[in-house]
Protein backbone atom coordinates (compact mmCIF):
# COMPACT_ATOMS: atom_id res chain seq x y z
CA UNK A 1 43.10 -4.83 21.74
CA UNK A 2 46.85 -5.19 22.05
CA UNK A 3 49.05 -8.02 20.88
CA UNK A 4 51.55 -9.81 23.15
CA UNK A 5 54.83 -8.02 23.63
CA UNK A 6 57.95 -10.00 24.48
CA UNK A 7 59.88 -7.41 26.44
CA UNK A 8 61.26 -7.38 29.99
CA UNK A 9 58.64 -6.74 32.66
CA UNK A 10 57.92 -3.05 33.12
CA UNK A 11 56.01 -1.68 36.08
CA UNK A 12 53.80 1.38 35.58
CA UNK A 13 52.49 3.44 38.48
CA UNK A 14 49.18 5.28 38.39
CA UNK A 15 51.00 8.61 38.48
CA UNK A 16 53.23 7.63 35.55
CA UNK A 17 50.26 6.46 33.52
CA UNK A 18 48.17 9.57 34.18
CA UNK A 19 51.12 11.84 33.40
CA UNK A 20 51.78 10.14 30.05
CA UNK A 21 49.79 9.79 26.86
CA UNK A 22 47.74 6.76 25.73
CA UNK A 23 50.32 6.03 23.02
CA UNK A 24 52.96 5.44 25.70
CA UNK A 25 51.27 2.33 27.10
CA UNK A 26 49.17 -0.76 26.42
CA UNK A 27 47.15 -3.00 28.70
CA UNK A 28 48.35 -2.88 32.30
CA UNK A 29 47.48 -5.52 34.89
CA UNK A 30 48.48 -5.17 38.52
CA UNK A 31 51.03 -2.55 37.53
CA UNK A 32 52.68 -4.63 34.79
CA UNK A 33 52.65 -3.39 31.19
CA UNK A 34 51.43 -6.46 29.33
CA UNK A 35 51.15 -5.73 25.68
CA UNK A 36 52.18 -3.71 22.65
CA UNK A 37 49.71 -2.04 20.31
CA UNK A 38 49.90 -4.08 17.09
CA UNK A 39 47.45 -6.37 15.29
CA UNK A 40 46.78 -8.10 11.97
CA UNK A 41 45.10 -6.34 9.03
CA UNK A 42 42.07 -8.66 9.43
CA UNK A 43 41.72 -7.68 13.08
CA UNK A 44 42.12 -3.98 12.30
CA UNK A 45 39.50 -4.16 9.54
CA UNK A 46 36.86 -5.68 11.83
CA UNK A 47 37.59 -3.06 14.49
CA UNK A 48 37.08 -0.25 11.98
CA UNK A 49 33.90 -1.76 10.56
CA UNK A 50 32.40 -2.35 14.01
CA UNK A 51 33.22 1.22 15.03
CA UNK A 52 31.50 2.46 11.88
CA UNK A 53 28.44 0.26 12.44
CA UNK A 54 28.04 1.50 16.01
CA UNK A 55 28.45 5.13 14.97
CA UNK A 56 25.87 4.60 12.23
CA UNK A 57 23.47 3.11 14.82
CA UNK A 58 23.61 6.08 17.22
CA UNK A 59 20.39 8.08 17.20
CA UNK A 60 21.37 11.72 16.50
CA UNK A 61 18.27 12.85 18.36
CA UNK A 62 18.88 10.56 21.32
CA UNK A 63 21.18 10.69 24.34
CA UNK A 64 24.83 11.61 23.79
CA UNK A 65 26.83 8.56 22.69
CA UNK A 66 30.43 8.21 21.49
CA UNK A 67 32.39 5.31 20.02
CA UNK A 68 36.12 4.86 20.70
CA UNK A 69 38.78 2.39 19.63
CA UNK A 70 41.99 1.38 21.44
CA UNK A 71 41.32 4.09 24.00
CA UNK A 72 42.32 3.38 27.62
CA UNK A 73 39.96 2.87 30.51
CA UNK A 74 41.22 2.67 34.06
CA UNK A 75 39.58 -0.14 36.00
CA UNK A 76 39.49 -0.72 39.74
CA UNK A 77 42.95 -1.24 41.21
CA UNK A 78 44.12 -4.67 42.25
CA UNK A 79 44.34 -5.47 45.95
CA UNK A 80 48.10 -5.99 46.21
CA UNK A 81 49.79 -4.60 49.31
CA UNK A 82 52.46 -3.22 46.98
CA UNK A 83 51.22 0.07 45.47
CA UNK A 84 53.30 -0.51 42.34
CA UNK A 85 51.34 -3.73 41.68
CA UNK A 86 47.80 -2.33 41.67
CA UNK A 87 47.16 -0.34 38.48
CA UNK A 88 44.75 -1.93 35.98
CA UNK A 89 44.18 -0.35 32.56
CA UNK A 90 42.70 -1.83 29.39
CA UNK A 91 42.55 -0.59 25.80
CA UNK A 92 39.37 -2.21 24.41
CA UNK A 93 39.17 -2.68 20.67
CA UNK A 94 35.83 -0.87 20.65
CA UNK A 95 33.73 0.86 23.27
CA UNK A 96 30.50 2.81 23.30
CA UNK A 97 30.07 5.32 26.09
CA UNK A 98 27.50 7.71 27.47
CA UNK A 99 29.08 11.10 26.78
CA UNK A 100 26.39 13.01 28.69
CA UNK A 101 28.63 13.38 31.77
CA UNK A 102 31.23 15.27 29.71
CA UNK A 103 34.60 14.80 27.98
CA UNK A 104 36.44 11.49 27.99
CA UNK A 105 38.35 11.01 31.25
CA UNK A 106 40.37 7.82 31.55
CA UNK A 107 39.96 7.86 35.32
CA UNK A 108 36.14 7.76 35.28
CA UNK A 109 35.16 6.55 31.81
CA UNK A 110 34.59 2.95 32.94
CA UNK A 111 31.45 4.20 34.72
CA UNK A 112 30.14 5.59 31.40
CA UNK A 113 30.84 2.60 29.16
CA UNK A 114 27.67 0.98 27.82
CA UNK A 115 29.30 -1.63 25.58
CA UNK A 116 32.79 -2.96 25.05
CA UNK A 117 34.00 -5.29 22.31
CA UNK A 118 37.17 -7.31 21.82
CA UNK A 119 38.13 -8.88 18.52
CA UNK A 120 40.04 -12.03 19.34
CA UNK A 121 43.44 -12.93 17.94
CA UNK A 122 45.68 -15.95 18.37
CA UNK A 123 47.79 -14.22 21.00
CA UNK A 124 45.00 -12.63 23.02
CA UNK A 125 41.99 -14.94 22.86
CA UNK A 126 42.68 -16.40 26.30
CA UNK A 127 42.68 -12.94 27.87
CA UNK A 128 39.57 -11.90 25.91
CA UNK A 129 37.48 -14.82 27.14
CA UNK A 130 39.10 -14.92 30.58
CA UNK A 131 40.53 -12.00 32.54
CA UNK A 132 39.00 -9.26 30.38
CA UNK A 133 35.57 -10.82 30.69
CA UNK A 134 35.97 -10.80 34.47
CA UNK A 135 37.38 -7.27 34.66
CA UNK A 136 34.74 -5.67 32.44
CA UNK A 137 31.99 -7.39 34.42
CA UNK A 138 33.42 -6.16 37.72
CA UNK A 139 33.46 -2.64 36.26
CA UNK A 140 29.71 -2.96 35.66
CA UNK A 141 29.90 -2.59 31.86
CA UNK A 142 26.47 -3.81 30.69
CA UNK A 143 27.43 -5.46 27.38
CA UNK A 144 30.59 -7.29 26.33
CA UNK A 145 30.95 -8.54 22.75
CA UNK A 146 33.60 -11.13 21.91
CA UNK A 147 34.28 -11.58 18.19
CA UNK A 148 35.58 -15.09 17.44
CA UNK A 149 37.47 -16.20 14.31
CA UNK A 150 38.07 -19.51 12.57
CA UNK A 151 41.22 -21.53 13.20
CA UNK A 152 43.10 -19.57 10.53
CA UNK A 153 42.13 -16.22 12.07
CA UNK A 154 40.68 -15.05 8.75
CA UNK A 155 36.89 -15.23 9.04
CA UNK A 156 34.47 -14.38 11.84
CA UNK A 157 32.66 -17.49 13.03
CA UNK A 158 30.56 -16.04 15.86
CA UNK A 159 30.06 -13.05 18.09
CA UNK A 160 29.34 -13.81 21.72
CA UNK A 161 26.99 -11.30 23.34
CA UNK A 162 27.60 -11.21 27.09
CA UNK A 163 25.43 -9.26 29.50
CA UNK A 164 25.59 -8.77 33.25
CA UNK A 165 23.58 -11.22 35.33
CA UNK A 166 21.33 -10.34 38.25
CA UNK A 167 24.33 -9.68 40.52
CA UNK A 168 25.75 -7.05 38.17
CA UNK A 169 29.22 -8.55 38.68
CA UNK A 170 29.32 -11.43 36.23
CA UNK A 171 28.58 -11.95 32.55
CA UNK A 172 26.32 -14.57 31.08
CA UNK A 173 26.19 -15.28 27.36
CA UNK A 174 22.85 -13.90 26.27
CA UNK A 175 23.19 -14.80 22.61
CA UNK A 176 25.70 -16.24 20.16
CA UNK A 177 25.43 -14.51 16.78
CA UNK A 178 26.46 -16.67 13.82
CA UNK A 179 25.75 -14.65 10.65
CA UNK A 180 25.03 -11.12 11.79
CA UNK A 181 25.27 -9.04 14.94
CA UNK A 182 21.82 -7.83 15.98
CA UNK A 183 21.36 -5.66 19.09
CA UNK A 184 18.41 -3.77 20.53
CA UNK A 185 20.37 -2.08 23.32
CA UNK A 186 22.32 0.03 24.11
CA UNK A 187 21.78 0.86 20.41
CA UNK A 188 19.64 -0.73 17.71
CA UNK A 189 22.12 -2.39 15.40
CA UNK A 190 22.11 -5.01 12.65
CA UNK A 191 25.32 -5.73 10.74
CA UNK A 192 26.31 -8.89 8.89
CA UNK A 193 29.63 -10.61 9.38
CA UNK A 194 30.27 -9.98 5.68
CA UNK A 195 29.90 -6.24 6.26
CA UNK A 196 32.23 -6.41 9.26
CA UNK A 197 34.90 -7.91 7.00
CA UNK A 198 34.18 -5.90 3.88
CA UNK A 199 37.04 -3.88 2.43
CA UNK A 200 34.51 -1.16 1.63
CA UNK A 201 32.51 0.55 4.39
CA UNK A 202 28.73 0.40 4.40
CA UNK A 203 27.03 3.29 2.64
CA UNK A 204 24.82 5.52 4.73
């Protein structure tokens, strides 16, 4: 996830985005580049540990699965009459995708994403629980995890597990994890909050 960037508004067209590299941009909403790619050490640590836990949980004999971090996904364009105000791109903190269809393609990867996670921060929590929740649901991503911190942004307090409701267009909170994240799908995973914030990775 990106952190807020206090720069003059910059519009990015779809052609410009696709012609560039992921490092050139951050989150884009309705054509406007919103954010810069920078976060706290605590945030970065949880991202790395969650990536590792998901990779560890992938069944090597099962379907093809890949984990990515701060990698862009293009979502459905906005409905503005102005073409320069339509592009929507997000860089989730963590995502798990079905890699059976082939190599990562920013234009189509949203259709392959099985799980997306955002680790909240003081500057982005409103977007994480608001617009991102709505956008990921509209993209049909089955699972959205929101990692919440205490008021000092030092310790994880809970992880909200959101899953699509019957309409397939809206998330409902299926479970609120308070000590450990436990999932049965799209992977079987159990990782404590302590492990997610450990300075040393879990041993295999």
